[in-house]
């Protein structure tokens, strides 16, 4: 395999925050590519502020907006733009001696509280957000308002810009669905896109898989999201592929992809980080980092999957990548 980044996978524990773990890994790889190696960012800092945004929207929509653990890869970009980032060692989101992340009690308590808000029509944004923060402060700690770096005190935004070297506006997210106009931006209509982002660049499937391959060949990694609840997944071998009894490789196209999205066979249930590729006689295989429990059960390569390009074509729905890696695609969109 040609590897574009080598940091080891990190487990998300018992949480539904793969969207953050995969994309934080992606941004750490970007930092290394930009000349800032060895940086490890706090996933829970992003998760904390994402819950604050969700609670705010829950109140604004009078309980209609989804409040759950899931989100999308481009949520990390949104949170970073507003709140910056902090080093992992300065905000782990775990208490002393805690072996792994476990948000079961925290999310249950937040949901119970918000159910009460809905039942009593207690739509006070400041009060709701303050209570959600109090719950998170108890379980995962209060996030820092400043970062200590080489004897200096920096704001999280300064740390992201000056130390990590990341500018959130330099990143874009793609999807490929015929149900929306091609070669424009559109909404990815899934529950975890809870804020109804319409910033997804929608391109045909050949262009979608093409930009992923091109980015990797030029040294860029990609954060991807899609469906991993499939019969073509073998956790013992660490392989993700499309079995022939599902659909022959030559039949995988925009229509096959859309059909499975519309009938619910393809769901938006997991996000991962593509970090390498290999060309074989049966097509391209991708090396994928996975924070989920399933990926960490693979003997001999814990936290990794070998994903065939057909699986990406049929089941991976979104891809977040640096703008510089996809200039030709963005120019094509702008020219239309």
Protein backbone atom coordinates (compact mmCIF):
# COMPACT_ATOMS: atom_id res chain seq x y z
CA UNK A 1 0.00 0.00 0.00
CA UNK A 2 1.02 3.59 -0.64
CA UNK A 3 0.43 5.31 2.72
CA UNK A 4 -0.12 9.07 2.99
CA UNK A 5 -0.22 9.22 6.80
CA UNK A 6 0.86 6.82 9.54
CA UNK A 7 -0.71 7.85 12.87
CA UNK A 8 -2.28 4.90 14.67
CA UNK A 9 -6.07 4.51 14.90
CA UNK A 10 -7.80 5.74 18.05
CA UNK A 11 -10.88 4.03 19.49
CA UNK A 12 -14.05 6.07 19.99
CA UNK A 13 -15.06 3.74 22.80
CA UNK A 14 -18.77 3.48 23.57
CA UNK A 15 -19.83 6.62 21.74
CA UNK A 16 -21.56 7.49 18.48
CA UNK A 17 -18.96 10.08 17.52
CA UNK A 18 -17.21 8.38 14.58
CA UNK A 19 -17.83 11.55 12.55
CA UNK A 20 -15.49 13.42 14.90
CA UNK A 21 -12.84 10.73 15.39
CA UNK A 22 -12.45 10.08 11.67
CA UNK A 23 -12.29 13.74 10.72
CA UNK A 24 -10.02 14.71 13.61
CA UNK A 25 -7.65 12.00 12.38
CA UNK A 26 -7.97 13.55 8.93
CA UNK A 27 -7.07 17.04 10.19
CA UNK A 28 -4.12 15.68 12.18
CA UNK A 29 -2.88 14.14 8.93
CA UNK A 30 -3.39 17.45 7.19
CA UNK A 31 -1.34 19.18 9.89
CA UNK A 32 1.50 16.71 9.33
CA UNK A 33 1.29 17.16 5.56
CA UNK A 34 1.50 20.94 6.07
CA UNK A 35 4.68 20.60 8.15
CA UNK A 36 3.24 20.26 11.66
CA UNK A 37 3.74 16.57 12.59
CA UNK A 38 2.93 14.90 15.89
CA UNK A 39 -0.19 16.90 16.65
CA UNK A 40 -3.04 15.13 18.43
CA UNK A 41 -6.26 17.07 18.75
CA UNK A 42 -9.05 16.67 21.27
CA UNK A 43 -12.06 14.97 19.72
CA UNK A 44 -14.18 15.74 22.77
CA UNK A 45 -13.61 19.48 22.43
CA UNK A 46 -15.38 19.35 19.08
CA UNK A 47 -18.05 16.97 20.41
CA UNK A 48 -18.76 19.32 23.33
CA UNK A 49 -19.48 22.30 21.11
CA UNK A 50 -21.44 20.19 18.65
CA UNK A 51 -23.83 19.24 21.46
CA UNK A 52 -24.16 22.91 22.38
CA UNK A 53 -25.13 23.70 18.77
CA UNK A 54 -27.58 20.79 18.73
CA UNK A 55 -29.23 21.95 21.94
CA UNK A 56 -29.55 25.48 20.56
CA UNK A 57 -31.22 24.19 17.39
CA UNK A 58 -33.44 21.87 19.43
CA UNK A 59 -34.85 24.91 21.22
CA UNK A 60 -35.14 27.01 18.07
CA UNK A 61 -37.15 24.31 16.30
CA UNK A 62 -39.22 23.53 19.40
CA UNK A 63 -37.92 19.99 19.67
CA UNK A 64 -38.01 19.05 16.00
CA UNK A 65 -34.26 19.14 15.36
CA UNK A 66 -32.49 15.84 16.08
CA UNK A 67 -30.47 15.62 19.27
CA UNK A 68 -28.32 12.51 19.12
CA UNK A 69 -24.69 11.39 19.00
CA UNK A 70 -24.37 11.30 15.22
CA UNK A 71 -23.24 14.06 12.88
CA UNK A 72 -21.29 14.48 9.63
CA UNK A 73 -17.63 14.87 8.74
CA UNK A 74 -18.10 18.53 7.78
CA UNK A 75 -19.43 19.29 11.28
CA UNK A 76 -15.82 19.27 12.50
CA UNK A 77 -14.99 22.01 10.01
CA UNK A 78 -17.97 24.07 11.20
CA UNK A 79 -17.06 23.70 14.87
CA UNK A 80 -13.39 24.45 14.22
CA UNK A 81 -14.28 27.63 12.35
CA UNK A 82 -16.26 28.86 15.35
CA UNK A 83 -14.36 27.43 18.33
CA UNK A 84 -10.90 26.40 17.10
CA UNK A 85 -9.20 23.30 18.50
CA UNK A 86 -7.19 22.22 21.54
CA UNK A 87 -4.49 19.56 22.11
CA UNK A 88 -5.70 16.16 23.24
CA UNK A 89 -3.54 16.20 26.36
CA UNK A 90 -5.21 19.42 27.51
CA UNK A 91 -8.75 18.07 27.14
CA UNK A 92 -9.18 14.30 26.93
CA UNK A 93 -12.86 14.20 27.87
CA UNK A 94 -12.09 11.38 30.31
CA UNK A 95 -11.63 11.30 34.06
CA UNK A 96 -8.47 10.01 35.73
CA UNK A 97 -8.23 6.26 35.35
CA UNK A 98 -11.03 6.03 32.82
CA UNK A 99 -9.98 3.39 30.26
CA UNK A 100 -12.11 4.50 27.31
CA UNK A 101 -14.83 6.93 26.23
CA UNK A 102 -18.32 5.96 27.35
CA UNK A 103 -21.16 8.43 26.71
CA UNK A 104 -24.11 6.17 27.48
CA UNK A 105 -25.12 7.83 30.73
CA UNK A 106 -24.34 11.33 29.50
CA UNK A 107 -26.44 11.08 26.34
CA UNK A 108 -29.28 9.42 28.28
CA UNK A 109 -29.32 12.27 30.80
CA UNK A 110 -29.25 14.94 28.10
CA UNK A 111 -32.08 13.27 26.19
CA UNK A 112 -34.19 12.91 29.34
CA UNK A 113 -33.68 16.57 30.15
CA UNK A 114 -34.62 17.70 26.64
CA UNK A 115 -37.69 15.46 26.68
CA UNK A 116 -38.75 17.35 29.78
CA UNK A 117 -38.09 20.68 28.06
CA UNK A 118 -40.39 19.60 25.20
CA UNK A 119 -43.13 18.35 27.52
CA UNK A 120 -43.19 21.55 29.59
CA UNK A 121 -42.56 23.97 26.70
CA UNK A 122 -39.59 25.39 28.60
CA UNK A 123 -38.03 26.92 25.49
CA UNK A 124 -35.41 29.10 27.13
CA UNK A 125 -32.25 28.86 25.02
CA UNK A 126 -29.84 30.18 27.65
CA UNK A 127 -31.24 27.87 30.34
CA UNK A 128 -31.26 24.79 28.09
CA UNK A 129 -27.74 25.34 26.81
CA UNK A 130 -26.46 26.00 30.35
CA UNK A 131 -28.02 22.74 31.58
CA UNK A 132 -26.61 20.72 28.68
CA UNK A 133 -23.19 22.21 29.43
CA UNK A 134 -23.55 21.31 33.12
CA UNK A 135 -24.31 17.69 32.20
CA UNK A 136 -21.30 17.49 29.88
CA UNK A 137 -19.05 19.24 32.41
CA UNK A 138 -19.86 16.47 34.86
CA UNK A 139 -19.20 13.59 32.47
CA UNK A 140 -16.44 14.80 30.15
CA UNK A 141 -15.18 17.96 31.83
CA UNK A 142 -15.29 21.67 31.01
CA UNK A 143 -13.39 22.49 27.80
CA UNK A 144 -10.47 24.90 28.13
CA UNK A 145 -10.83 28.48 26.96
CA UNK A 146 -7.11 28.78 26.24
CA UNK A 147 -4.24 26.54 25.18
CA UNK A 148 -0.77 26.38 26.74
CA UNK A 149 1.86 26.02 24.03
CA UNK A 150 5.63 26.51 24.48
CA UNK A 151 5.10 28.83 27.43
CA UNK A 152 2.47 30.90 25.64
CA UNK A 153 -1.26 31.12 26.19
CA UNK A 154 -3.23 30.89 22.95
CA UNK A 155 -6.92 30.92 22.19
CA UNK A 156 -8.22 27.70 20.58
CA UNK A 157 -8.60 29.60 17.31
CA UNK A 158 -5.01 30.82 17.49
CA UNK A 159 -3.81 27.30 18.25
CA UNK A 160 -5.67 25.90 15.24
CA UNK A 161 -4.31 28.58 12.93
CA UNK A 162 -0.76 29.11 14.17
CA UNK A 163 0.25 25.71 15.57
CA UNK A 164 -1.90 23.17 13.76
CA UNK A 165 -1.81 25.20 10.54
CA UNK A 166 -5.42 24.43 9.59
CA UNK A 167 -7.74 26.92 7.91
CA UNK A 168 -11.25 25.37 7.96
CA UNK A 169 -12.33 27.22 4.83
CA UNK A 170 -9.72 25.25 2.85
CA UNK A 171 -11.81 22.06 3.06
CA UNK A 172 -14.80 20.84 1.09
CA UNK A 173 -17.16 17.87 1.24
CA UNK A 174 -18.51 15.93 -1.74
CA UNK A 175 -21.45 13.60 -2.26
CA UNK A 176 -22.78 11.76 -5.30
CA UNK A 177 -26.56 11.40 -5.56
CA UNK A 178 -28.66 11.70 -8.71
CA UNK A 179 -31.63 12.80 -6.61
CA UNK A 180 -30.01 16.26 -6.39
CA UNK A 181 -28.71 18.47 -9.23
CA UNK A 182 -25.21 17.49 -10.33
CA UNK A 183 -22.29 19.91 -10.43
CA UNK A 184 -23.70 22.18 -7.76
CA UNK A 185 -23.99 22.34 -3.98
CA UNK A 186 -26.91 20.58 -2.34
CA UNK A 187 -28.21 19.23 0.96
CA UNK A 188 -27.25 15.72 2.02
CA UNK A 189 -30.65 14.59 3.25
CA UNK A 190 -29.89 12.22 6.11
CA UNK A 191 -30.76 12.51 9.83
CA UNK A 192 -27.17 13.12 10.94
CA UNK A 193 -27.00 16.23 8.77
CA UNK A 194 -29.14 17.71 11.53
CA UNK A 195 -28.34 21.33 10.65
CA UNK A 196 -29.37 20.72 7.01
CA UNK A 197 -26.07 21.76 5.48
CA UNK A 198 -26.40 22.53 1.78
CA UNK A 199 -22.65 22.78 1.26
CA UNK A 200 -22.10 19.35 -0.29
CA UNK A 201 -20.61 19.41 -3.78
CA UNK A 202 -22.67 16.90 -5.74
CA UNK A 203 -20.79 15.15 -8.56
CA UNK A 204 -21.38 12.01 -10.68
CA UNK A 205 -20.08 8.72 -9.31
CA UNK A 206 -17.13 8.44 -11.70
CA UNK A 207 -15.96 11.88 -10.60
CA UNK A 208 -16.56 11.02 -6.93
CA UNK A 209 -14.37 7.91 -7.00
CA UNK A 210 -11.93 9.71 -9.29
CA UNK A 211 -11.32 12.59 -6.90
CA UNK A 212 -10.69 10.16 -4.04
CA UNK A 213 -8.09 8.25 -6.06
CA UNK A 214 -6.48 11.44 -7.35
CA UNK A 215 -6.26 12.99 -3.89
CA UNK A 216 -4.53 9.91 -2.46
CA UNK A 217 -2.08 9.71 -5.35
CA UNK A 218 -1.12 13.31 -4.64
CA UNK A 219 -0.51 12.73 -0.93
CA UNK A 220 -3.86 13.78 0.54
CA UNK A 221 -6.03 11.65 2.82
CA UNK A 222 -9.85 11.75 2.93
CA UNK A 223 -12.52 11.53 5.61
CA UNK A 224 -15.45 9.46 4.32
CA UNK A 225 -18.94 8.58 5.52
CA UNK A 226 -21.43 5.94 4.51
CA UNK A 227 -22.85 2.49 5.23
CA UNK A 228 -20.90 -0.31 6.93
CA UNK A 229 -23.82 -2.63 7.75
CA UNK A 230 -23.21 -4.94 4.82
CA UNK A 231 -22.74 -8.68 4.11
CA UNK A 232 -19.53 -7.89 2.23
CA UNK A 233 -17.74 -6.94 5.45
CA UNK A 234 -15.49 -9.54 7.07
CA UNK A 235 -14.10 -8.34 10.40
CA UNK A 236 -11.70 -11.28 10.71
CA UNK A 237 -10.03 -10.51 7.39
CA UNK A 238 -10.57 -6.76 7.74
CA UNK A 239 -12.14 -6.54 4.28
CA UNK A 240 -14.98 -4.41 2.94
CA UNK A 241 -16.16 -5.41 -0.52
CA UNK A 242 -19.36 -5.79 -2.55
CA UNK A 243 -20.28 -9.49 -2.92
CA UNK A 244 -21.40 -10.68 -6.34
CA UNK A 245 -24.77 -11.79 -4.98
CA UNK A 246 -25.51 -8.14 -4.20
CA UNK A 247 -24.54 -6.59 -7.55
CA UNK A 248 -21.84 -7.37 -10.14
CA UNK A 249 -19.03 -4.83 -10.26
CA UNK A 250 -19.88 -3.74 -13.81
CA UNK A 251 -23.43 -2.85 -12.72
CA UNK A 252 -22.40 -0.38 -10.01
CA UNK A 253 -23.33 3.07 -11.31
CA UNK A 254 -25.17 6.23 -10.28
CA UNK A 255 -28.55 4.50 -10.50
CA UNK A 256 -27.52 1.50 -8.37
CA UNK A 257 -26.12 3.88 -5.78
CA UNK A 258 -29.24 6.03 -5.73
CA UNK A 259 -31.62 3.05 -5.52
CA UNK A 260 -29.97 1.80 -2.35
CA UNK A 261 -29.98 5.28 -0.82
CA UNK A 262 -33.67 5.83 -1.55
CA UNK A 263 -34.89 2.41 -0.44
CA UNK A 264 -32.89 2.50 2.79
CA UNK A 265 -30.46 -0.30 1.91
CA UNK A 266 -27.69 2.29 2.15
CA UNK A 267 -27.76 4.27 5.36
CA UNK A 268 -25.45 6.92 6.75
CA UNK A 269 -24.10 5.05 9.76
CA UNK A 270 -20.33 5.44 10.00
CA UNK A 271 -17.37 7.67 9.14
CA UNK A 272 -13.75 6.61 8.60
CA UNK A 273 -10.43 7.93 7.31
CA UNK A 274 -8.83 6.75 4.05
CA UNK A 275 -5.05 6.90 4.40
CA UNK A 276 -3.65 4.74 1.60
CA UNK A 277 -4.28 2.78 -1.56
CA UNK A 278 -2.98 -0.15 -3.60
CA UNK A 279 -3.66 -1.09 -7.21
CA UNK A 280 -4.39 -4.79 -7.69
CA UNK A 281 -5.55 -6.92 -10.62
CA UNK A 282 -9.15 -6.70 -9.37
CA UNK A 283 -9.13 -2.93 -8.88
CA UNK A 284 -8.06 -0.37 -6.31
CA UNK A 285 -8.07 -1.19 -2.61
CA UNK A 286 -8.06 1.53 0.05
CA UNK A 287 -6.48 1.38 3.49
CA UNK A 288 -8.95 2.84 5.97
CA UNK A 289 -8.52 3.87 9.63
CA UNK A 290 -11.54 3.12 11.79
CA UNK A 291 -12.33 4.39 15.30
CA UNK A 292 -15.30 2.02 15.68
CA UNK A 293 -15.28 -1.13 17.78
CA UNK A 294 -15.62 -3.39 14.71
CA UNK A 295 -12.45 -2.04 13.17
CA UNK A 296 -10.52 -2.68 16.38
CA UNK A 297 -11.48 -6.37 16.38
CA UNK A 298 -9.38 -7.14 13.31
CA UNK A 299 -6.54 -9.50 14.34
CA UNK A 300 -3.15 -8.33 13.17
CA UNK A 301 -4.36 -4.95 11.88
CA UNK A 302 -6.53 -3.52 14.64
CA UNK A 303 -8.25 -0.30 13.65
CA UNK A 304 -7.79 -0.77 9.89
CA UNK A 305 -9.86 -2.05 6.97
CA UNK A 306 -9.01 -2.96 3.40
CA UNK A 307 -11.85 -1.43 1.37
CA UNK A 308 -12.39 -2.26 -2.30
CA UNK A 309 -13.24 0.60 -4.65
CA UNK A 310 -16.61 -1.02 -5.46
CA UNK A 311 -17.59 -0.63 -1.81
CA UNK A 312 -16.75 3.06 -1.99
CA UNK A 313 -18.77 3.44 -5.19
CA UNK A 314 -21.84 1.73 -3.81
CA UNK A 315 -21.78 2.49 -0.09
CA UNK A 316 -19.57 5.48 0.79
CA UNK A 317 -21.72 8.58 0.45
CA UNK A 318 -19.55 11.58 1.37
CA UNK A 319 -15.89 12.64 1.25
CA UNK A 320 -14.18 15.56 3.00
CA UNK A 321 -10.88 16.68 1.47
CA UNK A 322 -8.54 19.64 1.07
CA UNK A 323 -9.54 22.03 -1.74
CA UNK A 324 -6.05 21.83 -3.25
CA UNK A 325 -6.50 18.10 -3.87
CA UNK A 326 -9.61 18.64 -6.01
CA UNK A 327 -8.92 21.90 -7.85
CA UNK A 328 -9.91 20.46 -11.22
CA UNK A 329 -13.27 19.26 -9.89
CA UNK A 330 -14.03 22.56 -8.17
CA UNK A 331 -13.11 24.46 -11.34
CA UNK A 332 -15.55 22.29 -13.28
CA UNK A 333 -18.31 23.12 -10.80
CA UNK A 334 -17.49 26.83 -10.87
CA UNK A 335 -17.54 26.85 -14.66
CA UNK A 336 -21.07 25.58 -14.94
